[in-house]
Amino acid sequence: MRNLPSTLATKRGLGLLGGTFDPVHTGHLCLASAALSAIPLVRVELFPAGEPWQKSRISSGMHRLNMLRIAVEYEPLFRINTSELRRIGPTYTIDTVKNLREEVGPAMPLVLILGIDQWLNLSTWKNWAELTNYVHIAYCRREGTVEKPIPDQQIAWAADKITAPEALTQMPAGRIAQFEMAPHRASATEIRRTISTQPYAQAMKTLDGWLHPGVAQYIRSHGLYGAMRH
């Protein structure tokens, strides 16, 4: 049977998009929207990380959650899942997907959405090869980006799991697909650096289009990333 385009396929299952969201920016939301366009999902669940083991010195979970709530307030196909914020100790994706699979049962399609950098770094994650026991993986390629090579062990692991993105919701887990999104330059690292080194008004001009206006105002009013120094 021919796979239906995502615009015609029956929508099933959940997309899962994790991150520190420090701060959430329009690139995150564009990634989630691109996944919804490519894969016939009911919605995308956003998972702000609690204590991500590969990052340090992040903003408090309260601030990151509040900014995320502002950014998706009027986005009916995005929903925030706070399970990682409630977890004590380092957060690992494998634990998150195991717990979610137990919650939703064996039949619900779950699709872990990754940016290209996360995909290329996947083999450094805890128990990474077990992820497809619980979820599908959909990774995004951005036009015009230069990518580092995929590790050989990851290529071998993924070889028999590749499928089209619109086919992911035809089964609960176990497959890998690629989808695309338009180029987007937004970077949380660059946002933090710009706000900490430029007067606020100038920083907002530099970062034009990268931040939801409400998120930008939240950053200023709470003095995040050094915003109150200027």
Protein backbone atom coordinates (compact mmCIF):
# COMPACT_ATOMS: atom_id res chain seq x y z
CA MET A 1 0.00 0.00 0.00
CA ARG A 2 1.39 3.40 -0.98
CA ASN A 3 2.17 5.75 1.91
CA LEU A 4 -0.21 8.68 2.03
CA PRO A 5 1.14 12.24 2.13
CA SER A 6 0.99 13.62 5.66
CA THR A 7 -1.70 16.10 4.63
CA LEU A 8 -3.98 13.18 3.73
CA ALA A 9 -2.91 10.56 6.26
CA THR A 10 -4.90 10.04 9.44
CA LYS A 11 -3.26 11.93 12.28
CA ARG A 12 -2.07 9.65 15.07
CA GLY A 13 0.46 9.74 17.82
CA LEU A 14 2.59 12.33 19.56
CA GLY A 15 5.75 14.17 18.61
CA LEU A 16 8.26 14.63 21.43
CA LEU A 17 10.61 17.60 21.36
CA GLY A 18 13.00 18.06 24.26
CA GLY A 19 15.52 20.75 25.06
CA THR A 20 16.76 23.13 27.68
CA PHE A 21 14.81 25.97 26.00
CA ASP A 22 17.19 28.48 27.57
CA PRO A 23 15.56 30.48 26.11
CA VAL A 24 12.93 29.04 23.80
CA HIS A 25 13.25 30.71 20.40
CA THR A 26 11.50 30.70 17.05
CA GLY A 27 13.85 28.03 15.72
CA HIS A 28 12.45 25.56 18.27
CA LEU A 29 8.90 26.34 17.19
CA CYS A 30 9.78 26.14 13.50
CA LEU A 31 11.28 22.69 14.10
CA ALA A 32 8.09 21.53 15.82
CA SER A 33 5.95 22.99 13.03
CA ALA A 34 8.09 21.33 10.34
CA ALA A 35 7.63 17.99 12.09
CA LEU A 36 3.86 18.48 12.15
CA SER A 37 3.90 19.26 8.43
CA ALA A 38 5.95 16.17 7.57
CA ILE A 39 4.46 13.64 10.00
CA PRO A 40 0.71 13.12 10.59
CA LEU A 41 0.88 13.72 14.36
CA VAL A 42 -1.93 14.83 16.64
CA ARG A 43 0.38 17.31 18.41
CA VAL A 44 3.92 17.93 19.62
CA GLU A 45 4.77 17.63 23.31
CA LEU A 46 7.58 19.95 24.46
CA PHE A 47 9.82 18.58 27.23
CA PRO A 48 11.91 21.24 29.01
CA ALA A 49 14.89 19.44 30.51
CA GLY A 50 15.45 19.29 34.24
CA GLU A 51 19.17 18.70 34.72
CA PRO A 52 20.51 17.76 31.27
CA TRP A 53 23.64 15.68 31.82
CA GLN A 54 25.52 17.17 28.83
CA LYS A 55 24.95 20.80 29.85
CA SER A 56 25.74 22.88 32.90
CA ARG A 57 24.88 26.34 34.23
CA ILE A 58 21.42 26.61 32.76
CA SER A 59 18.65 28.92 33.92
CA SER A 60 16.21 27.71 36.54
CA GLY A 61 13.47 25.36 35.45
CA MET A 62 10.88 27.93 36.57
CA HIS A 63 12.17 30.61 34.20
CA ARG A 64 12.58 28.23 31.26
CA LEU A 65 9.08 26.84 31.80
CA ASN A 66 7.54 30.29 32.08
CA MET A 67 9.17 31.41 28.83
CA LEU A 68 7.98 28.26 27.08
CA ARG A 69 4.42 28.85 28.30
CA ILE A 70 4.50 32.37 26.89
CA ALA A 71 5.83 31.17 23.53
CA VAL A 72 3.19 28.46 22.96
CA GLU A 73 0.18 30.06 24.66
CA TYR A 74 -1.70 30.38 21.38
CA GLU A 75 -0.29 27.26 19.68
CA PRO A 76 -3.03 24.60 19.97
CA LEU A 77 -0.88 21.82 18.49
CA PHE A 78 1.93 22.30 21.03
CA ARG A 79 1.68 21.10 24.61
CA ILE A 80 4.23 21.35 27.44
CA ASN A 81 5.14 18.21 29.36
CA THR A 82 6.90 18.95 32.66
CA SER A 83 7.90 15.39 33.55
CA GLU A 84 11.64 16.04 33.14
CA LEU A 85 11.49 19.18 35.28
CA ARG A 86 9.90 17.14 38.07
CA ARG A 87 12.59 14.45 37.97
CA ILE A 88 15.36 14.56 40.59
CA GLY A 89 18.91 14.30 39.28
CA PRO A 90 20.27 14.24 35.71
CA THR A 91 17.68 13.75 32.97
CA TYR A 92 18.21 11.20 30.21
CA THR A 93 16.02 10.86 27.14
CA ILE A 94 15.92 7.07 27.45
CA ASP A 95 14.24 7.38 30.86
CA THR A 96 11.75 9.93 29.54
CA VAL A 97 10.64 7.76 26.61
CA LYS A 98 10.42 4.63 28.77
CA ASN A 99 8.16 6.42 31.24
CA LEU A 100 6.02 7.93 28.51
CA ARG A 101 5.61 4.57 26.78
CA GLU A 102 4.34 3.12 30.06
CA GLU A 103 1.87 5.99 30.38
CA VAL A 104 0.38 5.84 26.87
CA GLY A 105 0.50 2.07 26.38
CA PRO A 106 2.02 -0.08 23.63
CA ALA A 107 -0.10 1.05 20.66
CA MET A 108 0.35 4.84 20.60
CA PRO A 109 2.87 6.07 17.98
CA LEU A 110 5.55 8.21 19.62
CA VAL A 111 8.02 10.19 17.53
CA LEU A 112 11.15 11.70 19.08
CA ILE A 113 11.97 14.88 17.12
CA LEU A 114 15.65 15.78 16.82
CA GLY A 115 17.53 18.63 15.26
CA ILE A 116 20.44 17.65 13.06
CA ASP A 117 23.02 18.42 15.77
CA GLN A 118 21.24 16.08 18.20
CA TRP A 119 21.02 13.37 15.54
CA LEU A 120 24.75 13.57 14.79
CA ASN A 121 25.49 13.43 18.52
CA LEU A 122 23.02 10.63 19.29
CA SER A 123 25.62 7.90 19.84
CA THR A 124 26.93 9.80 22.90
CA TRP A 125 23.56 9.57 24.67
CA LYS A 126 22.83 7.09 27.43
CA ASN A 127 21.53 3.77 26.01
CA TRP A 128 20.93 5.50 22.68
CA ALA A 129 20.49 2.30 20.69
CA GLU A 130 17.50 1.35 22.87
CA LEU A 131 15.51 4.47 22.01
CA THR A 132 13.71 2.85 19.07
CA ASN A 133 12.38 0.15 21.40
CA TYR A 134 10.04 2.85 22.70
CA VAL A 135 9.77 5.57 20.02
CA HIS A 136 10.41 6.42 16.41
CA ILE A 137 13.08 9.02 15.65
CA ALA A 138 12.54 11.85 13.17
CA TYR A 139 15.53 14.09 12.58
CA CYS A 140 15.55 17.36 10.71
CA ARG A 141 17.99 18.43 8.06
CA ARG A 142 18.29 22.16 7.44
CA GLU A 143 18.97 23.41 3.95
CA GLY A 144 22.44 24.82 3.42
CA THR A 145 24.07 23.40 6.55
CA VAL A 146 27.39 21.56 6.57
CA GLU A 147 27.18 18.44 8.70
CA LYS A 148 29.82 16.32 10.36
CA PRO A 149 29.90 12.60 9.49
CA ILE A 150 27.48 10.23 11.19
CA PRO A 151 29.36 7.68 13.36
CA ASP A 152 29.70 4.26 11.68
CA GLN A 153 27.99 2.45 14.55
CA GLN A 154 24.99 4.76 14.24
CA ILE A 155 24.78 4.21 10.47
CA ALA A 156 24.77 0.44 10.94
CA TRP A 157 22.15 0.66 13.70
CA ALA A 158 19.84 2.87 11.64
CA ALA A 159 20.21 1.06 8.30
CA ASP A 160 17.21 -1.27 8.58
CA LYS A 161 15.00 1.27 10.37
CA ILE A 162 14.78 4.01 7.73
CA THR A 163 11.33 4.94 6.44
CA ALA A 164 9.39 7.94 5.12
CA PRO A 165 8.24 10.50 7.71
CA GLU A 166 4.57 10.09 6.76
CA ALA A 167 4.82 6.35 7.53
CA LEU A 168 5.97 6.80 11.14
CA THR A 169 2.51 6.85 12.66
CA GLN A 170 1.53 3.54 11.06
CA MET A 171 3.23 1.70 13.94
CA PRO A 172 4.09 2.55 17.57
CA ALA A 173 7.92 2.69 17.42
CA GLY A 174 11.08 1.36 15.84
CA ARG A 175 11.63 3.44 12.71
CA ILE A 176 13.79 6.43 11.74
CA ALA A 177 12.90 9.15 9.25
CA GLN A 178 14.36 12.39 8.00
CA PHE A 179 12.39 15.56 7.36
CA GLU A 180 13.38 19.05 6.31
CA MET A 181 12.84 22.61 7.41
CA ALA A 182 13.80 25.95 5.96
CA PRO A 183 17.08 27.48 7.18
CA HIS A 184 16.78 29.16 10.57
CA ARG A 185 19.70 30.90 12.28
CA ALA A 186 18.26 31.19 15.80
CA SER A 187 20.55 29.86 18.52
CA ALA A 188 19.99 29.91 22.27
CA THR A 189 23.75 30.25 22.81
CA GLU A 190 23.88 33.28 20.54
CA ILE A 191 20.80 34.80 22.17
CA ARG A 192 22.39 34.55 25.62
CA ARG A 193 25.69 35.95 24.37
CA THR A 194 24.04 38.86 22.57
CA ILE A 195 21.85 39.86 25.51
CA SER A 196 24.82 39.70 27.89
CA THR A 197 27.08 41.88 25.73
CA GLN A 198 24.79 44.46 24.11
CA PRO A 199 22.38 47.09 25.47
CA TYR A 200 18.94 45.53 25.59
CA ALA A 201 17.43 47.61 22.76
CA GLN A 202 20.39 46.87 20.51
CA ALA A 203 20.29 43.18 21.41
CA MET A 204 16.64 42.98 20.38
CA LYS A 205 17.49 44.50 17.00
CA THR A 206 20.31 42.00 16.54
CA LEU A 207 17.99 39.14 17.48
CA ASP A 208 15.04 40.37 15.43
CA GLY A 209 12.67 37.47 14.72
CA TRP A 210 14.42 35.06 17.05
CA LEU A 211 12.32 35.60 20.17
CA HIS A 212 8.60 35.77 20.88
CA PRO A 213 7.96 39.38 22.09
CA GLY A 214 6.57 38.09 25.38
CA VAL A 215 9.66 35.96 25.93
CA ALA A 216 11.90 38.95 25.20
CA GLN A 217 10.00 41.01 27.74
CA TYR A 218 10.22 38.19 30.31
CA ILE A 219 13.98 38.05 29.86
CA ARG A 220 14.29 41.77 30.47
CA SER A 221 11.92 41.96 33.42
CA HIS A 222 13.68 39.08 35.21
CA GLY A 223 17.20 40.14 34.30
CA LEU A 224 18.06 36.88 32.57
CA TYR A 225 21.35 36.54 30.70
CA GLY A 226 22.55 39.87 32.06
CA ALA A 227 19.69 41.84 30.49
CA MET A 228 19.46 44.31 33.40
CA ARG A 229 23.11 45.40 33.16
CA HIS A 230 22.38 47.97 30.47
